[in-house]
Amino acid sequence: MRLLHTMLRVGDLEKSLKFYCEVLKMKLLRKKDYPGGEFTLAFVGYGDEADHTVLELTYNWGKNQYNLGDAYGHIAIGVDDIYATCEQIKAQGGKVTREPGPMKHGSTVIAFVEDPDGYKVELIQLDTHTSTQSARQEAAKV
């Protein structure tokens, strides 16, 4: 088994595609309208669906807003330079809701941004995330 995608309902597909593709640098992998069901699906990600988990952005025609609820947490994306990434996101009009820094009770450097619909996206500095994972694995061996 393999995780294939996560689906997010979006209120403005073009705004969402701009955020995920231009700001977060994902690629639009495929997009299709379903006139009978009055919805459009757009799949975005960092690599081919055969090898990578992707996001499915679902736009229900005529529905421009959703209540996010309190069960949804966030999507996480690993980045090489979290500080430069946050500056680039802000320069493109993106909303950084938590500036980069160590997570509470840990050393992994994280930040949070928000997409046009209010969905949270966690950015994780890859080198600190990897070293934290390695430290946990070493500690588990003892």
N, C-alpha and C. Protein backbone atom coordinates (compact mmCIF):
# COMPACT_ATOMS: atom_id res chain seq x y z
N MET A 1 0.83 -1.18 0.00
CA MET A 1 0.00 0.00 0.00
C MET A 1 0.88 1.25 0.00
N ARG A 2 0.29 2.33 -0.52
CA ARG A 2 1.02 3.59 -0.59
C ARG A 2 0.02 4.73 -0.50
N LEU A 3 0.38 5.78 0.23
CA LEU A 3 -0.45 6.97 0.30
C LEU A 3 -0.40 7.67 -1.05
N LEU A 4 -1.57 7.94 -1.66
CA LEU A 4 -1.62 8.51 -3.01
C LEU A 4 -1.78 10.02 -3.01
N HIS A 5 -2.81 10.52 -2.32
CA HIS A 5 -3.02 11.97 -2.31
C HIS A 5 -3.86 12.38 -1.10
N THR A 6 -3.84 13.67 -0.86
CA THR A 6 -4.71 14.31 0.12
C THR A 6 -5.59 15.29 -0.64
N MET A 7 -6.89 15.28 -0.35
CA MET A 7 -7.82 16.14 -1.06
C MET A 7 -8.18 17.34 -0.20
N LEU A 8 -8.12 18.52 -0.81
CA LEU A 8 -8.55 19.76 -0.17
C LEU A 8 -9.62 20.40 -1.04
N ARG A 9 -10.73 20.82 -0.43
CA ARG A 9 -11.75 21.57 -1.17
C ARG A 9 -11.33 23.04 -1.17
N VAL A 10 -11.37 23.65 -2.33
CA VAL A 10 -10.92 25.04 -2.46
C VAL A 10 -12.03 25.91 -3.02
N GLY A 11 -12.04 27.17 -2.60
CA GLY A 11 -13.08 28.11 -3.02
C GLY A 11 -12.77 28.84 -4.31
N ASP A 12 -11.49 28.97 -4.66
CA ASP A 12 -11.07 29.65 -5.88
C ASP A 12 -9.90 28.85 -6.43
N LEU A 13 -10.18 28.01 -7.41
CA LEU A 13 -9.16 27.10 -7.93
C LEU A 13 -7.96 27.83 -8.48
N GLU A 14 -8.17 28.93 -9.19
CA GLU A 14 -7.03 29.65 -9.78
C GLU A 14 -6.13 30.25 -8.70
N LYS A 15 -6.72 30.81 -7.64
CA LYS A 15 -5.92 31.33 -6.52
C LYS A 15 -5.12 30.20 -5.86
N SER A 16 -5.78 29.06 -5.67
CA SER A 16 -5.11 27.92 -5.05
C SER A 16 -3.99 27.39 -5.92
N LEU A 17 -4.22 27.29 -7.22
CA LEU A 17 -3.17 26.83 -8.13
C LEU A 17 -1.99 27.80 -8.12
N LYS A 18 -2.28 29.09 -8.09
CA LYS A 18 -1.21 30.08 -8.04
C LYS A 18 -0.38 29.89 -6.76
N PHE A 19 -1.06 29.70 -5.62
CA PHE A 19 -0.35 29.51 -4.35
C PHE A 19 0.51 28.24 -4.39
N TYR A 20 -0.09 27.12 -4.72
CA TYR A 20 0.66 25.86 -4.67
C TYR A 20 1.72 25.75 -5.76
N CYS A 21 1.43 26.28 -6.94
CA CYS A 21 2.39 26.15 -8.05
C CYS A 21 3.42 27.27 -8.09
N GLU A 22 3.02 28.51 -7.88
CA GLU A 22 3.97 29.61 -7.96
C GLU A 22 4.68 29.86 -6.63
N VAL A 23 3.92 29.87 -5.54
CA VAL A 23 4.51 30.19 -4.24
C VAL A 23 5.23 28.99 -3.64
N LEU A 24 4.58 27.81 -3.63
CA LEU A 24 5.21 26.62 -3.06
C LEU A 24 5.95 25.76 -4.09
N LYS A 25 5.95 26.20 -5.33
CA LYS A 25 6.75 25.59 -6.41
C LYS A 25 6.34 24.15 -6.77
N MET A 26 5.08 23.80 -6.54
CA MET A 26 4.59 22.50 -7.00
C MET A 26 4.29 22.60 -8.49
N LYS A 27 4.08 21.48 -9.11
CA LYS A 27 3.72 21.43 -10.53
C LYS A 27 2.26 20.98 -10.64
N LEU A 28 1.55 21.57 -11.60
CA LEU A 28 0.21 21.10 -11.92
C LEU A 28 0.39 19.82 -12.72
N LEU A 29 -0.04 18.71 -12.17
CA LEU A 29 0.15 17.41 -12.80
C LEU A 29 -0.98 17.06 -13.76
N ARG A 30 -2.20 17.40 -13.36
CA ARG A 30 -3.35 17.19 -14.24
C ARG A 30 -4.53 17.96 -13.68
N LYS A 31 -5.46 18.29 -14.58
CA LYS A 31 -6.65 19.05 -14.21
C LYS A 31 -7.78 18.61 -15.12
N LYS A 32 -8.96 18.37 -14.53
CA LYS A 32 -10.09 17.92 -15.34
C LYS A 32 -11.40 18.44 -14.78
N ASP A 33 -12.25 18.95 -15.67
CA ASP A 33 -13.60 19.38 -15.31
C ASP A 33 -14.54 18.18 -15.40
N TYR A 34 -15.51 18.14 -14.48
CA TYR A 34 -16.54 17.12 -14.46
C TYR A 34 -17.89 17.84 -14.50
N PRO A 35 -18.36 18.22 -15.72
CA PRO A 35 -19.58 19.02 -15.86
C PRO A 35 -20.81 18.35 -15.24
N GLY A 36 -20.91 17.04 -15.35
CA GLY A 36 -22.07 16.34 -14.79
C GLY A 36 -22.15 16.48 -13.27
N GLY A 37 -21.00 16.52 -12.62
CA GLY A 37 -20.96 16.67 -11.17
C GLY A 37 -20.71 18.09 -10.72
N GLU A 38 -20.45 18.97 -11.67
CA GLU A 38 -20.16 20.38 -11.42
C GLU A 38 -18.98 20.58 -10.46
N PHE A 39 -17.87 19.93 -10.81
CA PHE A 39 -16.64 20.12 -10.04
C PHE A 39 -15.43 19.96 -10.95
N THR A 40 -14.31 20.47 -10.48
CA THR A 40 -13.03 20.36 -11.18
C THR A 40 -12.02 19.79 -10.21
N LEU A 41 -11.20 18.86 -10.68
CA LEU A 41 -10.11 18.31 -9.89
C LEU A 41 -8.79 18.76 -10.50
N ALA A 42 -7.89 19.21 -9.65
CA ALA A 42 -6.53 19.56 -10.08
C ALA A 42 -5.57 18.88 -9.12
N PHE A 43 -4.61 18.16 -9.68
CA PHE A 43 -3.61 17.46 -8.88
C PHE A 43 -2.28 18.19 -8.99
N VAL A 44 -1.68 18.51 -7.84
CA VAL A 44 -0.41 19.22 -7.80
C VAL A 44 0.56 18.46 -6.90
N GLY A 45 1.86 18.62 -7.19
CA GLY A 45 2.85 17.97 -6.35
C GLY A 45 4.26 18.27 -6.82
N TYR A 46 5.21 17.62 -6.15
CA TYR A 46 6.63 17.83 -6.44
C TYR A 46 7.20 16.75 -7.34
N GLY A 47 6.39 15.83 -7.76
CA GLY A 47 6.87 14.78 -8.66
C GLY A 47 5.70 13.98 -9.18
N ASP A 48 5.98 13.09 -10.08
CA ASP A 48 4.98 12.26 -10.72
C ASP A 48 4.17 11.48 -9.70
N GLU A 49 2.88 11.36 -9.96
CA GLU A 49 1.99 10.63 -9.04
C GLU A 49 2.39 9.17 -8.85
N ALA A 50 3.09 8.61 -9.80
CA ALA A 50 3.51 7.22 -9.68
C ALA A 50 4.51 7.03 -8.54
N ASP A 51 5.25 8.10 -8.20
CA ASP A 51 6.30 7.99 -7.20
C ASP A 51 6.12 8.89 -5.99
N HIS A 52 5.18 9.85 -6.04
CA HIS A 52 5.05 10.84 -4.98
C HIS A 52 3.59 10.97 -4.52
N THR A 53 3.41 11.28 -3.26
CA THR A 53 2.10 11.65 -2.76
C THR A 53 1.82 13.08 -3.21
N VAL A 54 0.60 13.36 -3.63
CA VAL A 54 0.26 14.67 -4.19
C VAL A 54 -0.97 15.24 -3.49
N LEU A 55 -1.31 16.47 -3.85
CA LEU A 55 -2.54 17.10 -3.37
C LEU A 55 -3.58 17.12 -4.48
N GLU A 56 -4.79 16.78 -4.12
CA GLU A 56 -5.92 16.91 -5.03
C GLU A 56 -6.70 18.14 -4.58
N LEU A 57 -6.75 19.15 -5.43
CA LEU A 57 -7.52 20.35 -5.15
C LEU A 57 -8.88 20.19 -5.83
N THR A 58 -9.94 20.19 -5.03
CA THR A 58 -11.29 19.99 -5.55
C THR A 58 -12.05 21.29 -5.49
N TYR A 59 -12.49 21.75 -6.65
CA TYR A 59 -13.31 22.95 -6.72
C TYR A 59 -14.73 22.54 -7.10
N ASN A 60 -15.67 22.74 -6.19
CA ASN A 60 -17.09 22.50 -6.46
C ASN A 60 -17.67 23.79 -7.01
N TRP A 61 -18.12 23.73 -8.24
CA TRP A 61 -18.57 24.93 -8.95
C TRP A 61 -19.62 25.68 -8.13
N GLY A 62 -19.41 26.98 -7.98
CA GLY A 62 -20.35 27.83 -7.28
C GLY A 62 -20.15 27.87 -5.76
N LYS A 63 -19.26 27.05 -5.23
CA LYS A 63 -19.00 27.03 -3.78
C LYS A 63 -17.67 27.73 -3.56
N ASN A 64 -17.68 28.90 -2.90
CA ASN A 64 -16.43 29.66 -2.79
C ASN A 64 -15.85 29.73 -1.38
N GLN A 65 -16.47 29.01 -0.43
CA GLN A 65 -15.93 29.07 0.93
C GLN A 65 -16.33 27.81 1.70
N TYR A 66 -15.43 27.37 2.58
CA TYR A 66 -15.67 26.19 3.42
C TYR A 66 -15.33 26.51 4.86
N ASN A 67 -15.97 25.82 5.78
CA ASN A 67 -15.59 25.87 7.18
C ASN A 67 -14.52 24.80 7.38
N LEU A 68 -13.35 25.20 7.85
CA LEU A 68 -12.25 24.25 7.98
C LEU A 68 -12.45 23.27 9.12
N GLY A 69 -13.22 23.63 10.12
CA GLY A 69 -13.42 22.72 11.24
C GLY A 69 -12.19 22.67 12.13
N ASP A 70 -12.28 21.88 13.18
CA ASP A 70 -11.14 21.81 14.11
C ASP A 70 -10.43 20.46 14.07
N ALA A 71 -10.78 19.60 13.15
CA ALA A 71 -10.11 18.30 13.04
C ALA A 71 -8.89 18.36 12.11
N TYR A 72 -8.94 19.22 11.11
CA TYR A 72 -7.83 19.34 10.17
C TYR A 72 -6.63 19.96 10.86
N GLY A 73 -5.45 19.42 10.58
CA GLY A 73 -4.23 19.98 11.15
C GLY A 73 -3.46 20.77 10.12
N HIS A 74 -2.65 20.08 9.32
CA HIS A 74 -1.84 20.77 8.33
C HIS A 74 -1.22 19.77 7.35
N ILE A 75 -0.69 20.31 6.28
CA ILE A 75 0.14 19.58 5.32
C ILE A 75 1.57 19.93 5.70
N ALA A 76 2.51 19.00 5.58
CA ALA A 76 3.91 19.30 5.89
C ALA A 76 4.76 19.15 4.64
N ILE A 77 5.68 20.12 4.47
CA ILE A 77 6.60 20.12 3.33
C ILE A 77 8.01 20.33 3.86
N GLY A 78 8.93 19.47 3.46
CA GLY A 78 10.34 19.64 3.83
C GLY A 78 11.01 20.63 2.90
N VAL A 79 11.82 21.54 3.47
CA VAL A 79 12.52 22.54 2.67
C VAL A 79 14.00 22.58 3.06
N ASP A 80 14.84 22.98 2.13
CA ASP A 80 16.28 23.04 2.38
C ASP A 80 16.69 24.28 3.18
N ASP A 81 16.02 25.42 2.93
CA ASP A 81 16.35 26.66 3.63
C ASP A 81 15.05 27.34 4.03
N ILE A 82 14.61 27.07 5.23
CA ILE A 82 13.30 27.53 5.70
C ILE A 82 13.22 29.06 5.77
N TYR A 83 14.33 29.71 6.12
CA TYR A 83 14.32 31.18 6.23
C TYR A 83 14.16 31.82 4.85
N ALA A 84 14.92 31.35 3.88
CA ALA A 84 14.81 31.88 2.51
C ALA A 84 13.44 31.55 1.92
N THR A 85 12.94 30.34 2.22
CA THR A 85 11.63 29.94 1.71
C THR A 85 10.54 30.86 2.24
N CYS A 86 10.57 31.17 3.53
CA CYS A 86 9.56 32.06 4.12
C CYS A 86 9.66 33.47 3.53
N GLU A 87 10.88 33.95 3.32
CA GLU A 87 11.05 35.28 2.71
C GLU A 87 10.49 35.30 1.29
N GLN A 88 10.74 34.23 0.55
CA GLN A 88 10.24 34.13 -0.83
C GLN A 88 8.72 34.07 -0.83
N ILE A 89 8.13 33.33 0.11
CA ILE A 89 6.67 33.24 0.20
C ILE A 89 6.08 34.61 0.51
N LYS A 90 6.67 35.33 1.46
CA LYS A 90 6.17 36.67 1.80
C LYS A 90 6.33 37.63 0.61
N ALA A 91 7.44 37.53 -0.11
CA ALA A 91 7.68 38.41 -1.26
C ALA A 91 6.64 38.18 -2.35
N GLN A 92 6.07 36.98 -2.41
CA GLN A 92 5.05 36.67 -3.41
C GLN A 92 3.63 36.86 -2.87
N GLY A 93 3.53 37.50 -1.71
CA GLY A 93 2.22 37.79 -1.15
C GLY A 93 1.64 36.69 -0.29
N GLY A 94 2.43 35.65 -0.02
CA GLY A 94 1.95 34.57 0.84
C GLY A 94 1.93 34.98 2.30
N LYS A 95 1.17 34.26 3.09
CA LYS A 95 0.97 34.59 4.50
C LYS A 95 1.73 33.60 5.39
N VAL A 96 2.78 34.09 6.04
CA VAL A 96 3.53 33.28 7.01
C VAL A 96 2.88 33.53 8.36
N THR A 97 2.29 32.50 8.96
CA THR A 97 1.58 32.67 10.22
C THR A 97 2.44 32.32 11.43
N ARG A 98 3.53 31.62 11.22
CA ARG A 98 4.51 31.35 12.28
C ARG A 98 5.88 31.43 11.64
N GLU A 99 6.67 32.38 12.09
CA GLU A 99 8.02 32.56 11.53
C GLU A 99 8.88 31.34 11.86
N PRO A 100 9.93 31.09 11.08
CA PRO A 100 10.80 29.94 11.33
C PRO A 100 11.45 29.99 12.71
N GLY A 101 11.55 28.83 13.30
CA GLY A 101 12.22 28.69 14.59
C GLY A 101 12.01 27.29 15.11
N PRO A 102 12.73 26.94 16.17
CA PRO A 102 12.60 25.59 16.72
C PRO A 102 11.17 25.34 17.23
N MET A 103 10.71 24.11 17.04
CA MET A 103 9.40 23.75 17.55
C MET A 103 9.45 23.70 19.08
N LYS A 104 8.32 23.89 19.71
CA LYS A 104 8.26 23.81 21.18
C LYS A 104 8.68 22.41 21.60
N HIS A 105 9.47 22.34 22.63
CA HIS A 105 9.91 21.06 23.21
C HIS A 105 10.74 20.24 22.24
N GLY A 106 11.44 20.88 21.31
CA GLY A 106 12.26 20.14 20.35
C GLY A 106 13.22 21.06 19.64
N SER A 107 13.96 20.51 18.71
CA SER A 107 14.95 21.31 18.00
C SER A 107 14.66 21.44 16.50
N THR A 108 13.67 20.72 16.00
CA THR A 108 13.34 20.81 14.58
C THR A 108 12.86 22.22 14.27
N VAL A 109 13.42 22.83 13.23
CA VAL A 109 13.04 24.19 12.84
C VAL A 109 11.84 24.10 11.90
N ILE A 110 10.77 24.80 12.30
CA ILE A 110 9.52 24.77 11.53
C ILE A 110 9.00 26.20 11.33
N ALA A 111 8.07 26.31 10.39
CA ALA A 111 7.33 27.55 10.17
C ALA A 111 5.96 27.12 9.65
N PHE A 112 4.99 28.03 9.69
CA PHE A 112 3.68 27.75 9.12
C PHE A 112 3.29 28.86 8.16
N VAL A 113 2.67 28.45 7.04
CA VAL A 113 2.09 29.38 6.09
C VAL A 113 0.63 28.97 5.90
N GLU A 114 -0.13 29.85 5.28
CA GLU A 114 -1.54 29.61 5.08
C GLU A 114 -1.87 29.77 3.60
N ASP A 115 -2.66 28.83 3.07
CA ASP A 115 -3.05 28.95 1.66
C ASP A 115 -4.26 29.88 1.55
N PRO A 116 -4.73 30.17 0.33
CA PRO A 116 -5.83 31.13 0.16
C PRO A 116 -7.13 30.74 0.87
N ASP A 117 -7.32 29.45 1.16
CA ASP A 117 -8.53 29.01 1.84
C ASP A 117 -8.35 28.90 3.34
N GLY A 118 -7.15 29.20 3.85
CA GLY A 118 -6.90 29.13 5.28
C GLY A 118 -6.30 27.82 5.75
N TYR A 119 -6.03 26.90 4.81
CA TYR A 119 -5.39 25.64 5.19
C TYR A 119 -3.96 25.92 5.64
N LYS A 120 -3.54 25.29 6.71
CA LYS A 120 -2.18 25.46 7.23
C LYS A 120 -1.22 24.52 6.50
N VAL A 121 -0.04 25.06 6.20
CA VAL A 121 1.04 24.28 5.59
C VAL A 121 2.26 24.46 6.49
N GLU A 122 2.75 23.36 7.04
CA GLU A 122 3.95 23.41 7.88
C GLU A 122 5.17 23.24 6.99
N LEU A 123 6.15 24.11 7.17
CA LEU A 123 7.44 23.97 6.50
C LEU A 123 8.40 23.41 7.54
N ILE A 124 9.17 22.39 7.16
CA ILE A 124 10.12 21.76 8.08
C ILE A 124 11.51 21.84 7.46
N GLN A 125 12.45 22.43 8.20
CA GLN A 125 13.84 22.50 7.75
C GLN A 125 14.38 21.07 7.69
N LEU A 126 14.78 20.63 6.50
CA LEU A 126 15.15 19.23 6.31
C LEU A 126 16.36 18.80 7.13
N ASP A 127 17.40 19.61 7.22
CA ASP A 127 18.58 19.14 7.95
C ASP A 127 18.31 18.97 9.44
N THR A 128 17.52 19.86 10.07
CA THR A 128 17.23 19.69 11.49
C THR A 128 16.23 18.55 11.69
N HIS A 129 15.30 18.37 10.74
CA HIS A 129 14.33 17.28 10.84
C HIS A 129 15.06 15.95 10.74
N THR A 130 16.00 15.85 9.79
CA THR A 130 16.75 14.61 9.60
C THR A 130 17.62 14.32 10.81
N SER A 131 18.31 15.35 11.33
CA SER A 131 19.18 15.10 12.48
C SER A 131 18.35 14.76 13.72
N THR A 132 17.15 15.33 13.85
CA THR A 132 16.28 14.99 14.97
C THR A 132 15.81 13.54 14.84
N GLN A 133 15.44 13.13 13.63
CA GLN A 133 15.03 11.75 13.41
C GLN A 133 16.18 10.80 13.72
N SER A 134 17.39 11.14 13.27
CA SER A 134 18.56 10.29 13.52
C SER A 134 18.83 10.17 15.01
N ALA A 135 18.70 11.28 15.74
CA ALA A 135 18.92 11.26 17.19
C ALA A 135 17.88 10.37 17.87
N ARG A 136 16.63 10.46 17.42
CA ARG A 136 15.58 9.60 17.99
C ARG A 136 15.89 8.13 17.72
N GLN A 137 16.33 7.83 16.49
CA GLN A 137 16.63 6.44 16.15
C GLN A 137 17.81 5.92 16.98
N GLU A 138 18.82 6.76 17.18
CA GLU A 138 19.97 6.36 18.02
C GLU A 138 19.54 6.13 19.46
N ALA A 139 18.70 7.03 19.97
CA ALA A 139 18.22 6.90 21.36
C ALA A 139 17.40 5.63 21.53
N ALA A 140 16.63 5.27 20.51
CA ALA A 140 15.80 4.07 20.59
C ALA A 140 16.63 2.79 20.64
N LYS A 141 17.84 2.85 20.10
CA LYS A 141 18.72 1.68 20.09
C LYS A 141 19.31 1.39 21.47
N VAL A 142 19.42 2.44 22.30
CA VAL A 142 20.05 2.31 23.63
C VAL A 142 19.17 1.57 24.60
